[in-house]
Amino acid sequence: FAASVVLLVPTTMLAILYSSFTSESRYATFAWFAT
């Protein structure tokens, strides 16, 4: 459970951050994989 929290929480927040900065989903997808 602890390892799941470490894996889920920061990665989700980073992905949501990229998604919130653009209305074009392809840009958010590119930024996510590029990271």
All heavy atoms as atom14 arrays in JSON, in Angstrom:
{
  "sequence": "FAASVVLLVPTTMLAILYSSFTSESRYATFAWFAT",
  "atom14_mask": [
    [1, 1, 1, 1, 1, 1, 1, 1, 1, 1, 1, 0, 0, 0],
    [1, 1, 1, 1, 1, 0, 0, 0, 0, 0, 0, 0, 0, 0],
    [1, 1, 1, 1, 1, 0, 0, 0, 0, 0, 0, 0, 0, 0],
    [1, 1, 1, 1, 1, 1, 0, 0, 0, 0, 0, 0, 0, 0],
    [1, 1, 1, 1, 1, 1, 1, 0, 0, 0, 0, 0, 0, 0],
    [1, 1, 1, 1, 1, 1, 1, 0, 0, 0, 0, 0, 0, 0],
    [1, 1, 1, 1, 1, 1, 1, 1, 0, 0, 0, 0, 0, 0],
    [1, 1, 1, 1, 1, 1, 1, 1, 0, 0, 0, 0, 0, 0],
    [1, 1, 1, 1, 1, 1, 1, 0, 0, 0, 0, 0, 0, 0],
    [1, 1, 1, 1, 1, 1, 1, 0, 0, 0, 0, 0, 0, 0],
    [1, 1, 1, 1, 1, 1, 1, 0, 0, 0, 0, 0, 0, 0],
    [1, 1, 1, 1, 1, 1, 1, 0, 0, 0, 0, 0, 0, 0],
    [1, 1, 1, 1, 1, 1, 1, 1, 0, 0, 0, 0, 0, 0],
    [1, 1, 1, 1, 1, 1, 1, 1, 0, 0, 0, 0, 0, 0],
    [1, 1, 1, 1, 1, 0, 0, 0, 0, 0, 0, 0, 0, 0],
    [1, 1, 1, 1, 1, 1, 1, 1, 0, 0, 0, 0, 0, 0],
    [1, 1, 1, 1, 1, 1, 1, 1, 0, 0, 0, 0, 0, 0],
    [1, 1, 1, 1, 1, 1, 1, 1, 1, 1, 1, 1, 0, 0],
    [1, 1, 1, 1, 1, 1, 0, 0, 0, 0, 0, 0, 0, 0],
    [1, 1, 1, 1, 1, 1, 0, 0, 0, 0, 0, 0, 0, 0],
    [1, 1, 1, 1, 1, 1, 1, 1, 1, 1, 1, 0, 0, 0],
    [1, 1, 1, 1, 1, 1, 1, 0, 0, 0, 0, 0, 0, 0],
    [1, 1, 1, 1, 1, 1, 0, 0, 0, 0, 0, 0, 0, 0],
    [1, 1, 1, 1, 1, 1, 1, 1, 1, 0, 0, 0, 0, 0],
    [1, 1, 1, 1, 1, 1, 0, 0, 0, 0, 0, 0, 0, 0],
    [1, 1, 1, 1, 1, 1, 1, 1, 1, 1, 1, 0, 0, 0],
    [1, 1, 1, 1, 1, 1, 1, 1, 1, 1, 1, 1, 0, 0],
    [1, 1, 1, 1, 1, 0, 0, 0, 0, 0, 0, 0, 0, 0],
    [1, 1, 1, 1, 1, 1, 1, 0, 0, 0, 0, 0, 0, 0],
    [1, 1, 1, 1, 1, 1, 1, 1, 1, 1, 1, 0, 0, 0],
    [1, 1, 1, 1, 1, 0, 0, 0, 0, 0, 0, 0, 0, 0],
    [1, 1, 1, 1, 1, 1, 1, 1, 1, 1, 1, 1, 1, 1],
    [1, 1, 1, 1, 1, 1, 1, 1, 1, 1, 1, 0, 0, 0],
    [1, 1, 1, 1, 1, 0, 0, 0, 0, 0, 0, 0, 0, 0],
    [1, 1, 1, 1, 1, 1, 1, 0, 0, 0, 0, 0, 0, 0]
  ],
  "atom14_positions": [
    [[0.83, -1.21, 0.0], [0.0, 0.0, 0.0], [0.87, 1.25, 0.0], [0.57, 2.22, -0.71], [-0.93, -0.01, 1.21], [-2.12, -0.91, 1.07], [-2.3, -2.0, 1.92], [-3.07, -0.69, 0.08], [-3.39, -2.84, 1.78], [-4.17, -1.53, -0.07], [-4.32, -2.61, 0.79], [0.0, 0.0, 0.0], [0.0, 0.0, 0.0], [0.0, 0.0, 0.0]],
    [[1.94, 1.26, 0.8], [2.82, 2.43, 0.85], [3.5, 2.66, -0.49], [3.58, 3.8, -0.99], [3.86, 2.25, 1.95], [0.0, 0.0, 0.0], [0.0, 0.0, 0.0], [0.0, 0.0, 0.0], [0.0, 0.0, 0.0], [0.0, 0.0, 0.0], [0.0, 0.0, 0.0], [0.0, 0.0, 0.0], [0.0, 0.0, 0.0], [0.0, 0.0, 0.0]],
    [[3.99, 1.59, -1.12], [4.62, 1.73, -2.43], [3.61, 2.18, -3.48], [3.95, 2.93, -4.41], [5.26, 0.4, -2.84], [0.0, 0.0, 0.0], [0.0, 0.0, 0.0], [0.0, 0.0, 0.0], [0.0, 0.0, 0.0], [0.0, 0.0, 0.0], [0.0, 0.0, 0.0], [0.0, 0.0, 0.0], [0.0, 0.0, 0.0], [0.0, 0.0, 0.0]],
    [[2.35, 1.74, -3.35], [1.31, 2.17, -4.29], [1.05, 3.66, -4.16], [0.88, 4.35, -5.17], [0.03, 1.38, -4.03], [0.22, -0.01, -4.24], [0.0, 0.0, 0.0], [0.0, 0.0, 0.0], [0.0, 0.0, 0.0], [0.0, 0.0, 0.0], [0.0, 0.0, 0.0], [0.0, 0.0, 0.0], [0.0, 0.0, 0.0], [0.0, 0.0, 0.0]],
    [[1.02, 4.16, -2.94], [0.81, 5.6, -2.73], [1.95, 6.39, -3.36], [1.74, 7.41, -4.03], [0.67, 5.9, -1.23], [0.68, 7.41, -0.98], [-0.61, 5.29, -0.67], [0.0, 0.0, 0.0], [0.0, 0.0, 0.0], [0.0, 0.0, 0.0], [0.0, 0.0, 0.0], [0.0, 0.0, 0.0], [0.0, 0.0, 0.0], [0.0, 0.0, 0.0]],
    [[3.19, 5.92, -3.14], [4.35, 6.61, -3.71], [4.29, 6.6, -5.23], [4.67, 7.58, -5.89], [5.65, 5.93, -3.22], [6.86, 6.45, -3.98], [5.83, 6.17, -1.73], [0.0, 0.0, 0.0], [0.0, 0.0, 0.0], [0.0, 0.0, 0.0], [0.0, 0.0, 0.0], [0.0, 0.0, 0.0], [0.0, 0.0, 0.0], [0.0, 0.0, 0.0]],
    [[3.8, 5.52, -5.8], [3.72, 5.42, -7.25], [2.56, 6.23, -7.83], [2.71, 6.89, -8.86], [3.57, 3.95, -7.66], [3.46, 3.63, -9.15], [4.75, 4.01, -9.87], [3.15, 2.17, -9.37], [0.0, 0.0, 0.0], [0.0, 0.0, 0.0], [0.0, 0.0, 0.0], [0.0, 0.0, 0.0], [0.0, 0.0, 0.0], [0.0, 0.0, 0.0]],
    [[1.42, 6.22, -7.15], [0.2, 6.8, -7.7], [0.13, 8.31, -7.54], [-0.2, 9.02, -8.5], [-1.03, 6.16, -7.06], [-1.62, 4.92, -7.74], [-0.59, 3.78, -7.8], [-2.86, 4.44, -7.0], [0.0, 0.0, 0.0], [0.0, 0.0, 0.0], [0.0, 0.0, 0.0], [0.0, 0.0, 0.0], [0.0, 0.0, 0.0], [0.0, 0.0, 0.0]],
    [[0.41, 8.81, -6.35], [0.09, 10.21, -6.05], [0.94, 11.2, -6.84], [0.39, 12.06, -7.55], [0.19, 10.47, -4.53], [-0.02, 11.95, -4.23], [-0.83, 9.62, -3.78], [0.0, 0.0, 0.0], [0.0, 0.0, 0.0], [0.0, 0.0, 0.0], [0.0, 0.0, 0.0], [0.0, 0.0, 0.0], [0.0, 0.0, 0.0], [0.0, 0.0, 0.0]],
    [[2.28, 11.16, -6.77], [3.04, 12.17, -7.54], [2.89, 12.04, -9.04], [2.86, 13.06, -9.75], [4.49, 11.93, -7.09], [4.52, 10.59, -6.47], [3.16, 10.27, -6.0], [0.0, 0.0, 0.0], [0.0, 0.0, 0.0], [0.0, 0.0, 0.0], [0.0, 0.0, 0.0], [0.0, 0.0, 0.0], [0.0, 0.0, 0.0], [0.0, 0.0, 0.0]],
    [[2.8, 10.81, -9.54], [2.66, 10.64, -10.99], [1.31, 11.16, -11.48], [1.24, 11.81, -12.54], [2.81, 9.16, -11.37], [1.9, 8.37, -10.59], [4.22, 8.67, -11.11], [0.0, 0.0, 0.0], [0.0, 0.0, 0.0], [0.0, 0.0, 0.0], [0.0, 0.0, 0.0], [0.0, 0.0, 0.0], [0.0, 0.0, 0.0], [0.0, 0.0, 0.0]],
    [[0.27, 10.9, -10.71], [-1.05, 11.42, -11.09], [-1.07, 12.94, -11.08], [-1.62, 13.58, -11.98], [-2.12, 10.86, -10.15], [-2.15, 9.44, -10.25], [-3.49, 11.43, -10.48], [0.0, 0.0, 0.0], [0.0, 0.0, 0.0], [0.0, 0.0, 0.0], [0.0, 0.0, 0.0], [0.0, 0.0, 0.0], [0.0, 0.0, 0.0], [0.0, 0.0, 0.0]],
    [[-0.48, 13.52, -10.04], [-0.49, 14.98, -9.95], [0.3, 15.61, -11.1], [-0.1, 16.65, -11.64], [0.1, 15.41, -8.6], [-0.43, 16.73, -8.09], [-2.23, 16.8, -7.98], [-2.55, 15.45, -6.83], [0.0, 0.0, 0.0], [0.0, 0.0, 0.0], [0.0, 0.0, 0.0], [0.0, 0.0, 0.0], [0.0, 0.0, 0.0], [0.0, 0.0, 0.0]],
    [[1.39, 14.97, -11.5], [2.17, 15.5, -12.62], [1.38, 15.4, -13.92], [1.38, 16.33, -14.73], [3.49, 14.72, -12.74], [4.45, 15.18, -13.84], [4.92, 16.62, -13.58], [5.66, 14.24, -13.91], [0.0, 0.0, 0.0], [0.0, 0.0, 0.0], [0.0, 0.0, 0.0], [0.0, 0.0, 0.0], [0.0, 0.0, 0.0], [0.0, 0.0, 0.0]],
    [[0.69, 14.28, -14.12], [-0.1, 14.11, -15.34], [-1.27, 15.09, -15.4], [-1.56, 15.67, -16.45], [-0.61, 12.67, -15.43], [0.0, 0.0, 0.0], [0.0, 0.0, 0.0], [0.0, 0.0, 0.0], [0.0, 0.0, 0.0], [0.0, 0.0, 0.0], [0.0, 0.0, 0.0], [0.0, 0.0, 0.0], [0.0, 0.0, 0.0], [0.0, 0.0, 0.0]],
    [[-1.95, 15.28, -14.27], [-3.06, 16.24, -14.22], [-2.55, 17.66, -14.46], [-3.21, 18.48, -15.1], [-3.8, 16.14, -12.89], [-4.47, 14.77, -12.73], [-4.86, 17.22, -12.77], [-5.59, 14.51, -13.68], [0.0, 0.0, 0.0], [0.0, 0.0, 0.0], [0.0, 0.0, 0.0], [0.0, 0.0, 0.0], [0.0, 0.0, 0.0], [0.0, 0.0, 0.0]],
    [[-1.35, 17.94, -13.96], [-0.76, 19.27, -14.17], [-0.56, 19.54, -15.66], [-0.92, 20.6, -16.18], [0.57, 19.37, -13.43], [1.36, 20.67, -13.63], [0.59, 21.86, -13.08], [2.74, 20.57, -12.97], [0.0, 0.0, 0.0], [0.0, 0.0, 0.0], [0.0, 0.0, 0.0], [0.0, 0.0, 0.0], [0.0, 0.0, 0.0], [0.0, 0.0, 0.0]],
    [[0.03, 18.58, -16.37], [0.22, 18.75, -17.81], [-1.13, 18.9, -18.52], [-1.26, 19.69, -19.45], [0.97, 17.54, -18.38], [2.42, 17.47, -18.01], [3.09, 16.26, -17.94], [3.15, 18.62, -17.74], [4.43, 16.19, -17.6], [4.49, 18.57, -17.41], [5.13, 17.34, -17.33], [6.46, 17.28, -17.0], [0.0, 0.0, 0.0], [0.0, 0.0, 0.0]],
    [[-2.1, 18.13, -18.08], [-3.42, 18.17, -18.72], [-4.11, 19.5, -18.49], [-4.9, 19.94, -19.33], [-4.28, 17.02, -18.2], [-5.52, 16.97, -18.85], [0.0, 0.0, 0.0], [0.0, 0.0, 0.0], [0.0, 0.0, 0.0], [0.0, 0.0, 0.0], [0.0, 0.0, 0.0], [0.0, 0.0, 0.0], [0.0, 0.0, 0.0], [0.0, 0.0, 0.0]],
    [[-3.83, 20.15, -17.35], [-4.52, 21.4, -17.04], [-3.92, 22.61, -17.75], [-4.55, 23.67, -17.78], [-4.48, 21.65, -15.53], [-3.15, 21.87, -15.08], [0.0, 0.0, 0.0], [0.0, 0.0, 0.0], [0.0, 0.0, 0.0], [0.0, 0.0, 0.0], [0.0, 0.0, 0.0], [0.0, 0.0, 0.0], [0.0, 0.0, 0.0], [0.0, 0.0, 0.0]],
    [[-2.73, 22.46, -18.32], [-2.07, 23.59, -18.95], [-2.34, 23.7, -20.44], [-1.82, 24.59, -21.1], [-0.56, 23.53, -18.71], [-0.13, 24.25, -17.46], [-0.04, 23.57, -16.26], [0.17, 25.6, -17.48], [0.35, 24.22, -15.11], [0.56, 26.27, -16.34], [0.65, 25.57, -15.14], [0.0, 0.0, 0.0], [0.0, 0.0, 0.0], [0.0, 0.0, 0.0]],
    [[-3.13, 22.81, -20.99], [-3.42, 22.86, -22.41], [-4.8, 22.28, -22.68], [-5.26, 21.4, -21.95], [-2.37, 22.09, -23.23], [-2.72, 22.13, -24.61], [-2.28, 20.65, -22.77], [0.0, 0.0, 0.0], [0.0, 0.0, 0.0], [0.0, 0.0, 0.0], [0.0, 0.0, 0.0], [0.0, 0.0, 0.0], [0.0, 0.0, 0.0], [0.0, 0.0, 0.0]],
    [[-5.45, 22.81, -23.68], [-6.74, 22.26, -24.1], [-6.57, 21.22, -25.2], [-7.54, 20.61, -25.63], [-7.65, 23.38, -24.6], [-7.05, 24.07, -25.69], [0.0, 0.0, 0.0], [0.0, 0.0, 0.0], [0.0, 0.0, 0.0], [0.0, 0.0, 0.0], [0.0, 0.0, 0.0], [0.0, 0.0, 0.0], [0.0, 0.0, 0.0], [0.0, 0.0, 0.0]],
    [[-5.33, 21.02, -25.66], [-5.02, 20.0, -26.66], [-4.4, 18.81, -25.96], [-3.3, 18.88, -25.44], [-4.07, 20.56, -27.72], [-4.66, 21.67, -28.56], [-5.78, 21.17, -29.45], [-5.81, 19.95, -29.76], [-6.62, 21.99, -29.86], [0.0, 0.0, 0.0], [0.0, 0.0, 0.0], [0.0, 0.0, 0.0], [0.0, 0.0, 0.0], [0.0, 0.0, 0.0]],
    [[-5.11, 17.7, -25.94], [-4.66, 16.53, -25.2], [-3.35, 15.96, -25.74], [-2.58, 15.37, -24.99], [-5.74, 15.45, -25.21], [-6.05, 15.08, -26.54], [0.0, 0.0, 0.0], [0.0, 0.0, 0.0], [0.0, 0.0, 0.0], [0.0, 0.0, 0.0], [0.0, 0.0, 0.0], [0.0, 0.0, 0.0], [0.0, 0.0, 0.0], [0.0, 0.0, 0.0]],
    [[-3.08, 16.15, -27.04], [-1.85, 15.59, -27.6], [-0.61, 16.26, -27.03], [0.44, 15.62, -26.9], [-1.86, 15.68, -29.13], [-1.92, 17.09, -29.68], [-1.92, 17.06, -31.21], [-1.95, 18.39, -31.8], [-3.06, 19.05, -32.07], [-4.23, 18.5, -31.8], [-3.01, 20.25, -32.62], [0.0, 0.0, 0.0], [0.0, 0.0, 0.0], [0.0, 0.0, 0.0]],
    [[-0.72, 17.54, -26.66], [0.42, 18.22, -26.06], [0.69, 17.68, -24.66], [1.84, 17.49, -24.25], [0.16, 19.73, -25.99], [0.01, 20.39, -27.34], [-0.83, 21.49, -27.5], [0.7, 19.91, -28.45], [-0.97, 22.1, -28.74], [0.56, 20.52, -29.69], [-0.27, 21.61, -29.83], [-0.42, 22.21, -31.06], [0.0, 0.0, 0.0], [0.0, 0.0, 0.0]],
    [[-0.38, 17.43, -23.91], [-0.22, 16.85, -22.58], [0.36, 15.45, -22.65], [1.2, 15.06, -21.83], [-1.57, 16.83, -21.85], [0.0, 0.0, 0.0], [0.0, 0.0, 0.0], [0.0, 0.0, 0.0], [0.0, 0.0, 0.0], [0.0, 0.0, 0.0], [0.0, 0.0, 0.0], [0.0, 0.0, 0.0], [0.0, 0.0, 0.0], [0.0, 0.0, 0.0]],
    [[-0.07, 14.67, -23.64], [0.47, 13.32, -23.82], [1.95, 13.36, -24.15], [2.75, 12.59, -23.6], [-0.3, 12.6, -24.95], [-1.69, 12.56, -24.62], [0.21, 11.18, -25.12], [0.0, 0.0, 0.0], [0.0, 0.0, 0.0], [0.0, 0.0, 0.0], [0.0, 0.0, 0.0], [0.0, 0.0, 0.0], [0.0, 0.0, 0.0], [0.0, 0.0, 0.0]],
    [[2.34, 14.27, -25.04], [3.75, 14.39, -25.41], [4.6, 14.8, -24.2], [5.68, 14.25, -23.97], [3.91, 15.42, -26.53], [5.34, 15.71, -26.87], [6.05, 14.84, -27.69], [5.98, 16.85, -26.38], [7.39, 15.1, -28.0], [7.3, 17.12, -26.69], [8.01, 16.24, -27.5], [0.0, 0.0, 0.0], [0.0, 0.0, 0.0], [0.0, 0.0, 0.0]],
    [[4.12, 15.78, -23.43], [4.88, 16.23, -22.26], [5.03, 15.11, -21.24], [6.09, 14.96, -20.61], [4.17, 17.43, -21.62], [0.0, 0.0, 0.0], [0.0, 0.0, 0.0], [0.0, 0.0, 0.0], [0.0, 0.0, 0.0], [0.0, 0.0, 0.0], [0.0, 0.0, 0.0], [0.0, 0.0, 0.0], [0.0, 0.0, 0.0], [0.0, 0.0, 0.0]],
    [[4.0, 14.3, -21.07], [4.05, 13.2, -20.11], [5.11, 12.16, -20.5], [5.97, 11.8, -19.69], [2.68, 12.56, -20.0], [2.65, 11.27, -19.24], [2.52, 10.02, -19.76], [2.77, 11.1, -17.82], [2.54, 9.08, -18.76], [2.7, 9.71, -17.56], [2.93, 11.98, -16.77], [2.78, 9.2, -16.27], [3.01, 11.47, -15.47], [2.94, 10.1, -15.24]],
    [[5.05, 11.68, -21.73], [6.02, 10.67, -22.16], [7.42, 11.25, -22.26], [8.41, 10.56, -21.98], [5.58, 10.06, -23.49], [4.43, 9.1, -23.37], [3.18, 9.43, -23.87], [4.59, 7.88, -22.74], [2.11, 8.56, -23.76], [3.53, 7.0, -22.62], [2.28, 7.34, -23.13], [0.0, 0.0, 0.0], [0.0, 0.0, 0.0], [0.0, 0.0, 0.0]],
    [[7.53, 12.52, -22.66], [8.86, 13.14, -22.77], [9.52, 13.26, -21.4], [10.74, 13.11, -21.29], [8.73, 14.52, -23.41], [0.0, 0.0, 0.0], [0.0, 0.0, 0.0], [0.0, 0.0, 0.0], [0.0, 0.0, 0.0], [0.0, 0.0, 0.0], [0.0, 0.0, 0.0], [0.0, 0.0, 0.0], [0.0, 0.0, 0.0], [0.0, 0.0, 0.0]],
    [[8.74, 13.51, -20.37], [9.3, 13.6, -19.01], [9.98, 12.31, -18.61], [11.08, 12.31, -18.06], [8.19, 13.95, -18.01], [7.62, 15.22, -18.34], [8.73, 14.0, -16.59], [0.0, 0.0, 0.0], [0.0, 0.0, 0.0], [0.0, 0.0, 0.0], [0.0, 0.0, 0.0], [0.0, 0.0, 0.0], [0.0, 0.0, 0.0], [0.0, 0.0, 0.0]]
  ]
}
